[in-house]
Amino acid sequence: MSTPPNPEEFYKKLKSQLEDTALWPTQYLYKFIVLTDKDKIEKIANIFNHLGAVIKNIPSKKGKYTSVSIHVKMKSPDAVINKYKEVAEKVEGVISL
């Protein structure tokens, strides 16, 4: 889920899908790919700080990239989307899946 050509249309579609497929609040899995950079990985973790998130970092085979998986209970589709937007705004070069 890297930044699409029309982000607002993309987020509108995502919100509709989230509303149709889950009962809220629910556990949600975020997945991000970022260059292996301690500061970038910490920025992502800090965005989910104080939410009771379980965060798992897995470096790629060559160590150039790191996959960041975050399991966290979210209150609503809007809350999920707001976190995606916050990560995209604060962490340069992040790829959202």
Protein backbone atom coordinates (compact mmCIF):
# COMPACT_ATOMS: atom_id res chain seq x y z
CA MET A 1 0.00 0.00 0.00
CA SER A 2 2.55 2.56 -1.07
CA THR A 3 1.19 6.02 -1.74
CA PRO A 4 -1.22 5.66 -4.68
CA PRO A 5 -1.72 8.28 -7.42
CA ASN A 6 -4.95 9.44 -5.72
CA PRO A 7 -4.50 8.81 -1.99
CA GLU A 8 -7.92 10.10 -0.93
CA GLU A 9 -9.71 7.74 -3.31
CA PHE A 10 -7.51 4.88 -2.11
CA TYR A 11 -8.24 5.60 1.57
CA LYS A 12 -11.97 5.92 0.84
CA LYS A 13 -11.93 2.44 -0.72
CA LEU A 14 -9.85 1.04 2.16
CA LYS A 15 -12.29 2.48 4.71
CA SER A 16 -15.20 0.82 2.94
CA GLN A 17 -13.38 -2.52 2.88
CA LEU A 18 -12.49 -2.27 6.56
CA GLU A 19 -16.08 -1.44 7.49
CA ASP A 20 -17.34 -4.45 5.53
CA THR A 21 -14.84 -7.01 6.82
CA ALA A 22 -14.43 -6.41 10.55
CA LEU A 23 -16.33 -5.68 13.74
CA TRP A 24 -14.77 -2.69 15.49
CA PRO A 25 -12.73 -2.38 17.65
CA THR A 26 -10.54 -5.16 16.24
CA GLN A 27 -6.95 -6.37 16.02
CA TYR A 28 -5.28 -4.99 12.91
CA LEU A 29 -1.99 -5.93 11.26
CA TYR A 30 0.09 -3.15 9.74
CA LYS A 31 3.05 -4.08 7.54
CA PHE A 32 5.69 -1.63 6.44
CA ILE A 33 8.94 -1.98 4.49
CA VAL A 34 11.68 0.56 5.13
CA LEU A 35 15.38 0.90 4.44
CA THR A 36 17.23 -0.57 7.40
CA ASP A 37 17.75 2.63 9.35
CA LYS A 38 17.44 2.64 13.13
CA ASP A 39 15.85 6.11 13.15
CA LYS A 40 13.17 5.18 10.60
CA ILE A 41 12.31 1.96 12.41
CA GLU A 42 12.08 3.82 15.73
CA LYS A 43 9.84 6.50 14.17
CA ILE A 44 7.41 3.82 13.07
CA ALA A 45 7.46 2.18 16.52
CA ASN A 46 6.92 5.55 18.23
CA ILE A 47 3.81 6.22 16.15
CA PHE A 48 2.25 3.13 17.71
CA ASN A 49 3.63 3.80 21.19
CA HIS A 50 1.09 3.61 24.06
CA LEU A 51 -1.38 1.56 21.98
CA GLY A 52 -0.33 -1.84 23.29
CA ALA A 53 1.12 -2.76 19.91
CA VAL A 54 3.22 -5.86 19.33
CA ILE A 55 5.99 -4.92 16.89
CA LYS A 56 8.19 -7.36 15.00
CA ASN A 57 11.12 -6.28 12.81
CA ILE A 58 12.58 -8.66 10.22
CA PRO A 59 15.60 -7.64 8.15
CA SER A 60 15.82 -8.72 4.51
CA LYS A 61 18.36 -11.39 3.50
CA LYS A 62 20.99 -8.80 2.60
CA GLY A 63 19.96 -6.47 5.43
CA LYS A 64 19.19 -3.49 3.19
CA TYR A 65 15.49 -3.40 4.13
CA THR A 66 13.49 -4.18 7.24
CA SER A 67 9.92 -5.42 7.42
CA VAL A 68 8.02 -3.90 10.35
CA SER A 69 4.86 -5.79 11.38
CA ILE A 70 2.58 -4.23 13.97
CA HIS A 71 -0.36 -5.99 15.64
CA VAL A 72 -2.55 -3.51 17.47
CA LYS A 73 -6.16 -3.13 18.54
CA MET A 74 -7.73 -0.27 16.59
CA LYS A 75 -11.03 1.43 17.37
CA SER A 76 -12.29 2.11 13.86
CA PRO A 77 -11.45 2.15 10.14
CA ASP A 78 -10.74 5.89 10.48
CA ALA A 79 -8.18 5.19 13.22
CA VAL A 80 -6.46 2.61 10.96
CA ILE A 81 -6.27 5.07 8.07
CA ASN A 82 -5.02 7.89 10.30
CA LYS A 83 -2.06 5.73 11.37
CA TYR A 84 -1.20 4.89 7.75
CA LYS A 85 -1.24 8.60 6.93
CA GLU A 86 0.86 9.47 9.98
CA VAL A 87 3.52 6.89 9.07
CA ALA A 88 3.62 8.09 5.45
CA GLU A 89 3.98 11.70 6.63
CA LYS A 90 6.70 11.08 9.23
CA VAL A 91 8.83 8.31 7.71
CA GLU A 92 10.44 9.09 4.38
CA GLY A 93 10.52 6.25 1.86
CA VAL A 94 8.26 3.88 3.79
CA ILE A 95 6.24 1.34 1.82
CA SER A 96 2.91 0.36 3.35
CA LEU A 97 1.54 -3.09 2.58
